[in-house]
Amino acid sequence: MSLLLEVKNLNLYYGDAQALADVSLEVERGEIVAIVGANGAGKSSLIRSIAGIEKSRSGQIVYGEKDIRNLEPHTICNLGIGQVAEGRQVFPTLTVEENLEMGGLLPRARAKAKQTLGEVYAMFPRLAERKSQLAGSMSGGEQQMLALARALMLAPKILLIDEPSVGLSPLLVSRTIDTIRELKAKYQLTVLMAEQNFNQAIRIADCGYVIVHGKIAFHGASAEELNNNDLIRKFYLGL
């Protein structure tokens, strides 16, 4: 494997409050990397910084060999970095198919948008069945499925997934996490996933980072290393 994404000494502030402090991490091609931590630890701030939604004060975000830290979100997306935002954020007044078509509008995706749409429907037959339904009338689990599928319309090289379990029942959480693993295998995707549900995240992750109060507190080179660390489970995650 080779390095696809590297965050180096990233610092992010909201006014005078520091949200991320010298955060560094690496994501190898083909890996699922989990960022785990309690609510408010900085997971979403990190994902949003990489996506260009939040503008960090200093540090580097290197994708391939390019520092993308100061690029606009649409430019970052067009480089092949897809995002599934926390809370899904589908377009509620548009149909399922219109939501998916929105995901294929960027230049990198347009040429193969129809082909990709067919592939997405094959991967998510429930969405094909409901392509004319308004997204806002779907269940939370279905909307999460749609958000994942819309991100695939970009033909991404890496997916940034922010808190996929939020608002879902335990059964739907498990199904969503399984779907992420299947997407990685089917599309050879690289995934950086922020997730508060430690046990579910570790179930599919190749490696992971624990973030506490905006700082990386621990890096596990394997999921087992995180899962078997009693200090991490008890003091950082309260398990």
Foldseek 3Di string as FASTA:
>chain_A
DAWFKWWAQWWADDVPRTQAGGAIDTFGQLFEAEEEFAPSLNLQVVLCQLLQNGQTPDTFIAGPNDTCRNPHNLVSLLVFEFEQHPVRPFDQQAFLQVSLVVLQPRPQQVVCLVVLVVVLCVLPVVCVVRRRPGLNPDDSLVSLSSSVSSRCSSVHQEYEYEASCPPHDPVSLLVSLVSVLVCCVVSVHTYYYYHHPLVSSLVRGQWYFYGGSNYTPDTGNGSCSQVPDPCCCCPGNND
